[in-house]
Amino acid sequence: MKASEFKAMSKEDLTKKIAELKEELFNLRFRLATGQLDNVMQITSVKRDIARAMTELNAKNRA
């Protein structure tokens, strides 16, 4: 997702999205450990999305 998409979300939506992304990251790591993950770059992409969402959530909490 792009940062602009996260900016359009509310605090509650961001919290839900972060939880979903963390669950997806867990599943990707599990698949990596069992040798079922084909594209390892998916992990990096999800980590960056989590960071973008958390950055926007922190900015909204400060405001």
PDB file of N, CA and C in Angstrom:
ATOM      1  N   MET A   1       0.832  -1.183   0.000  1.00  0.00           N
ATOM      2  CA  MET A   1       0.000   0.000   0.000  1.00  0.00           C
ATOM      3  C   MET A   1       0.876   1.245   0.000  1.00  0.00           C
ATOM      4  N   LYS A   2       0.315   2.300  -0.490  1.00  0.00           N
ATOM      5  CA  LYS A   2       1.033   3.567  -0.511  1.00  0.00           C
ATOM      6  C   LYS A   2       0.740   4.333   0.769  1.00  0.00           C
ATOM      7  N   ALA A   3       1.624   5.264   1.086  1.00  0.00           N
ATOM      8  CA  ALA A   3       1.454   6.073   2.289  1.00  0.00           C
ATOM      9  C   ALA A   3       0.193   6.917   2.212  1.00  0.00           C
ATOM     10  N   SER A   4      -0.167   7.351   1.030  1.00  0.00           N
ATOM     11  CA  SER A   4      -1.381   8.164   0.882  1.00  0.00           C
ATOM     12  C   SER A   4      -2.629   7.361   1.244  1.00  0.00           C
ATOM     13  N   GLU A   5      -2.616   6.057   1.012  1.00  0.00           N
ATOM     14  CA  GLU A   5      -3.753   5.216   1.383  1.00  0.00           C
ATOM     15  C   GLU A   5      -3.877   5.107   2.891  1.00  0.00           C
ATOM     16  N   PHE A   6      -2.738   5.080   3.588  1.00  0.00           N
ATOM     17  CA  PHE A   6      -2.770   5.024   5.044  1.00  0.00           C
ATOM     18  C   PHE A   6      -3.222   6.354   5.635  1.00  0.00           C
ATOM     19  N   LYS A   7      -2.882   7.459   4.971  1.00  0.00           N
ATOM     20  CA  LYS A   7      -3.284   8.779   5.468  1.00  0.00           C
ATOM     21  C   LYS A   7      -4.791   8.964   5.422  1.00  0.00           C
ATOM     22  N   ALA A   8      -5.441   8.292   4.498  1.00  0.00           N
ATOM     23  CA  ALA A   8      -6.886   8.419   4.353  1.00  0.00           C
ATOM     24  C   ALA A   8      -7.655   7.599   5.391  1.00  0.00           C
ATOM     25  N   MET A   9      -6.979   6.716   6.115  1.00  0.00           N
ATOM     26  CA  MET A   9      -7.644   5.844   7.081  1.00  0.00           C
ATOM     27  C   MET A   9      -7.796   6.527   8.441  1.00  0.00           C
ATOM     28  N   SER A  10      -8.781   6.071   9.189  1.00  0.00           N
ATOM     29  CA  SER A  10      -8.968   6.576  10.556  1.00  0.00           C
ATOM     30  C   SER A  10      -8.065   5.790  11.506  1.00  0.00           C
ATOM     31  N   LYS A  11      -8.012   6.223  12.759  1.00  0.00           N
ATOM     32  CA  LYS A  11      -7.169   5.546  13.752  1.00  0.00           C
ATOM     33  C   LYS A  11      -7.584   4.089  13.941  1.00  0.00           C
ATOM     34  N   GLU A  12      -8.879   3.850  13.997  1.00  0.00           N
ATOM     35  CA  GLU A  12      -9.386   2.492  14.199  1.00  0.00           C
ATOM     36  C   GLU A  12      -9.033   1.602  13.009  1.00  0.00           C
ATOM     37  N   ASP A  13      -9.188   2.153  11.804  1.00  0.00           N
ATOM     38  CA  ASP A  13      -8.854   1.393  10.597  1.00  0.00           C
ATOM     39  C   ASP A  13      -7.361   1.074  10.558  1.00  0.00           C
ATOM     40  N   LEU A  14      -6.544   2.037  10.954  1.00  0.00           N
ATOM     41  CA  LEU A  14      -5.097   1.801  10.968  1.00  0.00           C
ATOM     42  C   LEU A  14      -4.733   0.712  11.964  1.00  0.00           C
ATOM     43  N   THR A  15      -5.364   0.726  13.127  1.00  0.00           N
ATOM     44  CA  THR A  15      -5.084  -0.293  14.137  1.00  0.00           C
ATOM     45  C   THR A  15      -5.455  -1.677  13.619  1.00  0.00           C
ATOM     46  N   LYS A  16      -6.602  -1.781  12.952  1.00  0.00           N
ATOM     47  CA  LYS A  16      -7.031  -3.054  12.383  1.00  0.00           C
ATOM     48  C   LYS A  16      -6.073  -3.506  11.280  1.00  0.00           C
ATOM     49  N   LYS A  17      -5.661  -2.561  10.431  1.00  0.00           N
ATOM     50  CA  LYS A  17      -4.767  -2.892   9.320  1.00  0.00           C
ATOM     51  C   LYS A  17      -3.413  -3.362   9.834  1.00  0.00           C
ATOM     52  N   ILE A  18      -2.910  -2.726  10.893  1.00  0.00           N
ATOM     53  CA  ILE A  18      -1.633  -3.136  11.476  1.00  0.00           C
ATOM     54  C   ILE A  18      -1.739  -4.565  12.007  1.00  0.00           C
ATOM     55  N   ALA A  19      -2.834  -4.883  12.674  1.00  0.00           N
ATOM     56  CA  ALA A  19      -3.035  -6.240  13.181  1.00  0.00           C
ATOM     57  C   ALA A  19      -3.071  -7.259  12.041  1.00  0.00           C
ATOM     58  N   GLU A  20      -3.766  -6.910  10.954  1.00  0.00           N
ATOM     59  CA  GLU A  20      -3.827  -7.799   9.799  1.00  0.00           C
ATOM     60  C   GLU A  20      -2.446  -8.011   9.186  1.00  0.00           C
ATOM     61  N   LEU A  21      -1.691  -6.920   9.066  1.00  0.00           N
ATOM     62  CA  LEU A  21      -0.357  -7.015   8.466  1.00  0.00           C
ATOM     63  C   LEU A  21       0.584  -7.829   9.338  1.00  0.00           C
ATOM     64  N   LYS A  22       0.475  -7.694  10.652  1.00  0.00           N
ATOM     65  CA  LYS A  22       1.324  -8.479  11.554  1.00  0.00           C
ATOM     66  C   LYS A  22       0.988  -9.961  11.463  1.00  0.00           C
ATOM     67  N   GLU A  23      -0.298 -10.271  11.316  1.00  0.00           N
ATOM     68  CA  GLU A  23      -0.697 -11.661  11.148  1.00  0.00           C
ATOM     69  C   GLU A  23      -0.174 -12.219   9.822  1.00  0.00           C
ATOM     70  N   GLU A  24      -0.235 -11.402   8.784  1.00  0.00           N
ATOM     71  CA  GLU A  24       0.294 -11.817   7.477  1.00  0.00           C
ATOM     72  C   GLU A  24       1.801 -12.044   7.552  1.00  0.00           C
ATOM     73  N   LEU A  25       2.503 -11.169   8.270  1.00  0.00           N
ATOM     74  CA  LEU A  25       3.949 -11.324   8.437  1.00  0.00           C
ATOM     75  C   LEU A  25       4.268 -12.617   9.167  1.00  0.00           C
ATOM     76  N   PHE A  26       3.502 -12.931  10.203  1.00  0.00           N
ATOM     77  CA  PHE A  26       3.694 -14.185  10.927  1.00  0.00           C
ATOM     78  C   PHE A  26       3.534 -15.381   9.993  1.00  0.00           C
ATOM     79  N   ASN A  27       2.472 -15.352   9.180  1.00  0.00           N
ATOM     80  CA  ASN A  27       2.222 -16.452   8.245  1.00  0.00           C
ATOM     81  C   ASN A  27       3.340 -16.580   7.214  1.00  0.00           C
ATOM     82  N   LEU A  28       3.849 -15.437   6.729  1.00  0.00           N
ATOM     83  CA  LEU A  28       4.942 -15.478   5.758  1.00  0.00           C
ATOM     84  C   LEU A  28       6.202 -16.059   6.380  1.00  0.00           C
ATOM     85  N   ARG A  29       6.491 -15.677   7.618  1.00  0.00           N
ATOM     86  CA  ARG A  29       7.679 -16.217   8.305  1.00  0.00           C
ATOM     87  C   ARG A  29       7.534 -17.715   8.543  1.00  0.00           C
ATOM     88  N   PHE A  30       6.327 -18.135   8.856  1.00  0.00           N
ATOM     89  CA  PHE A  30       6.071 -19.556   9.059  1.00  0.00           C
ATOM     90  C   PHE A  30       6.289 -20.325   7.762  1.00  0.00           C
ATOM     91  N   ARG A  31       5.767 -19.772   6.655  1.00  0.00           N
ATOM     92  CA  ARG A  31       5.954 -20.415   5.360  1.00  0.00           C
ATOM     93  C   ARG A  31       7.424 -20.431   4.956  1.00  0.00           C
ATOM     94  N   LEU A  32       8.176 -19.392   5.320  1.00  0.00           N
ATOM     95  CA  LEU A  32       9.603 -19.357   5.022  1.00  0.00           C
ATOM     96  C   LEU A  32      10.335 -20.452   5.785  1.00  0.00           C
ATOM     97  N   ALA A  33       9.980 -20.636   7.045  1.00  0.00           N
ATOM     98  CA  ALA A  33      10.640 -21.637   7.873  1.00  0.00           C
ATOM     99  C   ALA A  33      10.357 -23.057   7.395  1.00  0.00           C
ATOM    100  N   THR A  34       9.171 -23.266   6.831  1.00  0.00           N
ATOM    101  CA  THR A  34       8.819 -24.602   6.349  1.00  0.00           C
ATOM    102  C   THR A  34       9.212 -24.818   4.898  1.00  0.00           C
ATOM    103  N   GLY A  35       9.760 -23.787   4.251  1.00  0.00           N
ATOM    104  CA  GLY A  35      10.227 -23.925   2.883  1.00  0.00           C
ATOM    105  C   GLY A  35       9.147 -23.792   1.836  1.00  0.00           C
ATOM    106  N   GLN A  36       8.011 -23.221   2.180  1.00  0.00           N
ATOM    107  CA  GLN A  36       6.912 -23.103   1.233  1.00  0.00           C
ATOM    108  C   GLN A  36       6.807 -21.724   0.602  1.00  0.00           C
ATOM    109  N   LEU A  37       7.644 -20.792   1.017  1.00  0.00           N
ATOM    110  CA  LEU A  37       7.570 -19.425   0.511  1.00  0.00           C
ATOM    111  C   LEU A  37       8.426 -19.290  -0.742  1.00  0.00           C
ATOM    112  N   ASP A  38       7.800 -18.849  -1.827  1.00  0.00           N
ATOM    113  CA  ASP A  38       8.519 -18.711  -3.087  1.00  0.00           C
ATOM    114  C   ASP A  38       9.193 -17.346  -3.202  1.00  0.00           C
ATOM    115  N   ASN A  39       8.478 -16.283  -2.846  1.00  0.00           N
ATOM    116  CA  ASN A  39       8.988 -14.926  -3.001  1.00  0.00           C
ATOM    117  C   ASN A  39       9.322 -14.345  -1.625  1.00  0.00           C
ATOM    118  N   VAL A  40      10.588 -14.286  -1.293  1.00  0.00           N
ATOM    119  CA  VAL A  40      11.029 -13.820   0.012  1.00  0.00           C
ATOM    120  C   VAL A  40      10.829 -12.312   0.167  1.00  0.00           C
ATOM    121  N   MET A  41      10.721 -11.588  -0.941  1.00  0.00           N
ATOM    122  CA  MET A  41      10.536 -10.139  -0.889  1.00  0.00           C
ATOM    123  C   MET A  41       9.171  -9.749  -0.322  1.00  0.00           C
ATOM    124  N   GLN A  42       8.250 -10.689  -0.244  1.00  0.00           N
ATOM    125  CA  GLN A  42       6.950 -10.401   0.351  1.00  0.00           C
ATOM    126  C   GLN A  42       7.111 -10.002   1.815  1.00  0.00           C
ATOM    127  N   ILE A  43       8.057 -10.616   2.501  1.00  0.00           N
ATOM    128  CA  ILE A  43       8.300 -10.303   3.911  1.00  0.00           C
ATOM    129  C   ILE A  43       8.732  -8.852   4.045  1.00  0.00           C
ATOM    130  N   THR A  44       9.648  -8.416   3.223  1.00  0.00           N
ATOM    131  CA  THR A  44      10.125  -7.034   3.257  1.00  0.00           C
ATOM    132  C   THR A  44       8.999  -6.059   2.953  1.00  0.00           C
ATOM    133  N   SER A  45       8.178  -6.390   1.992  1.00  0.00           N
ATOM    134  CA  SER A  45       7.064  -5.530   1.609  1.00  0.00           C
ATOM    135  C   SER A  45       6.070  -5.369   2.757  1.00  0.00           C
ATOM    136  N   VAL A  46       5.750  -6.452   3.433  1.00  0.00           N
ATOM    137  CA  VAL A  46       4.799  -6.392   4.546  1.00  0.00           C
ATOM    138  C   VAL A  46       5.395  -5.609   5.711  1.00  0.00           C
ATOM    139  N   LYS A  47       6.679  -5.795   5.964  1.00  0.00           N
ATOM    140  CA  LYS A  47       7.337  -5.043   7.040  1.00  0.00           C
ATOM    141  C   LYS A  47       7.290  -3.542   6.777  1.00  0.00           C
ATOM    142  N   ARG A  48       7.495  -3.159   5.545  1.00  0.00           N
ATOM    143  CA  ARG A  48       7.445  -1.738   5.183  1.00  0.00           C
ATOM    144  C   ARG A  48       6.036  -1.185   5.316  1.00  0.00           C
ATOM    145  N   ASP A  49       5.035  -1.986   4.941  1.00  0.00           N
ATOM    146  CA  ASP A  49       3.657  -1.553   5.097  1.00  0.00           C
ATOM    147  C   ASP A  49       3.310  -1.349   6.566  1.00  0.00           C
ATOM    148  N   ILE A  50       3.807  -2.242   7.426  1.00  0.00           N
ATOM    149  CA  ILE A  50       3.575  -2.097   8.868  1.00  0.00           C
ATOM    150  C   ILE A  50       4.207  -0.798   9.357  1.00  0.00           C
ATOM    151  N   ALA A  51       5.417  -0.527   8.912  1.00  0.00           N
ATOM    152  CA  ALA A  51       6.110   0.695   9.335  1.00  0.00           C
ATOM    153  C   ALA A  51       5.369   1.936   8.859  1.00  0.00           C
ATOM    154  N   ARG A  52       4.868   1.916   7.629  1.00  0.00           N
ATOM    155  CA  ARG A  52       4.115   3.060   7.106  1.00  0.00           C
ATOM    156  C   ARG A  52       2.842   3.290   7.922  1.00  0.00           C
ATOM    157  N   ALA A  53       2.149   2.212   8.218  1.00  0.00           N
ATOM    158  CA  ALA A  53       0.901   2.324   8.968  1.00  0.00           C
ATOM    159  C   ALA A  53       1.164   2.814  10.390  1.00  0.00           C
ATOM    160  N   MET A  54       2.207   2.310  11.024  1.00  0.00           N
ATOM    161  CA  MET A  54       2.519   2.733  12.386  1.00  0.00           C
ATOM    162  C   MET A  54       2.969   4.190  12.424  1.00  0.00           C
ATOM    163  N   THR A  55       3.695   4.622  11.413  1.00  0.00           N
ATOM    164  CA  THR A  55       4.118   6.018  11.337  1.00  0.00           C
ATOM    165  C   THR A  55       2.913   6.932  11.237  1.00  0.00           C
ATOM    166  N   GLU A  56       1.972   6.569  10.397  1.00  0.00           N
ATOM    167  CA  GLU A  56       0.771   7.393  10.240  1.00  0.00           C
ATOM    168  C   GLU A  56      -0.083   7.376  11.503  1.00  0.00           C
ATOM    169  N   LEU A  57      -0.174   6.226  12.162  1.00  0.00           N
ATOM    170  CA  LEU A  57      -0.942   6.130  13.400  1.00  0.00           C
ATOM    171  C   LEU A  57      -0.313   7.017  14.487  1.00  0.00           C
ATOM    172  N   ASN A  58       1.004   6.988  14.593  1.00  0.00           N
ATOM    173  CA  ASN A  58       1.686   7.843  15.569  1.00  0.00           C
ATOM    174  C   ASN A  58       1.474   9.316  15.256  1.00  0.00           C
ATOM    175  N   ALA A  59       1.500   9.676  13.992  1.00  0.00           N
ATOM    176  CA  ALA A  59       1.276  11.079  13.603  1.00  0.00           C
ATOM    177  C   ALA A  59      -0.145  11.517  13.964  1.00  0.00           C
ATOM    178  N   LYS A  60      -1.119  10.626  13.778  1.00  0.00           N
ATOM    179  CA  LYS A  60      -2.502  10.974  14.110  1.00  0.00           C
ATOM    180  C   LYS A  60      -2.688  11.064  15.622  1.00  0.00           C
ATOM    181  N   ASN A  61      -1.972  10.245  16.376  1.00  0.00           N
ATOM    182  CA  ASN A  61      -2.076  10.294  17.832  1.00  0.00           C
ATOM    183  C   ASN A  61      -1.468  11.579  18.388  1.00  0.00           C
ATOM    184  N   ARG A  62      -0.443  12.089  17.754  1.00  0.00           N
ATOM    185  CA  ARG A  62       0.187  13.320  18.212  1.00  0.00           C
ATOM    186  C   ARG A  62      -0.680  14.538  17.938  1.00  0.00           C
ATOM    187  N   ALA A  63      -1.423  14.484  16.849  1.00  0.00           N
ATOM    188  CA  ALA A  63      -2.241  15.639  16.437  1.00  0.00           C
ATOM    189  C   ALA A  63      -3.470  15.826  17.293  1.00  0.00           C
TER     190      ALA A  63
END
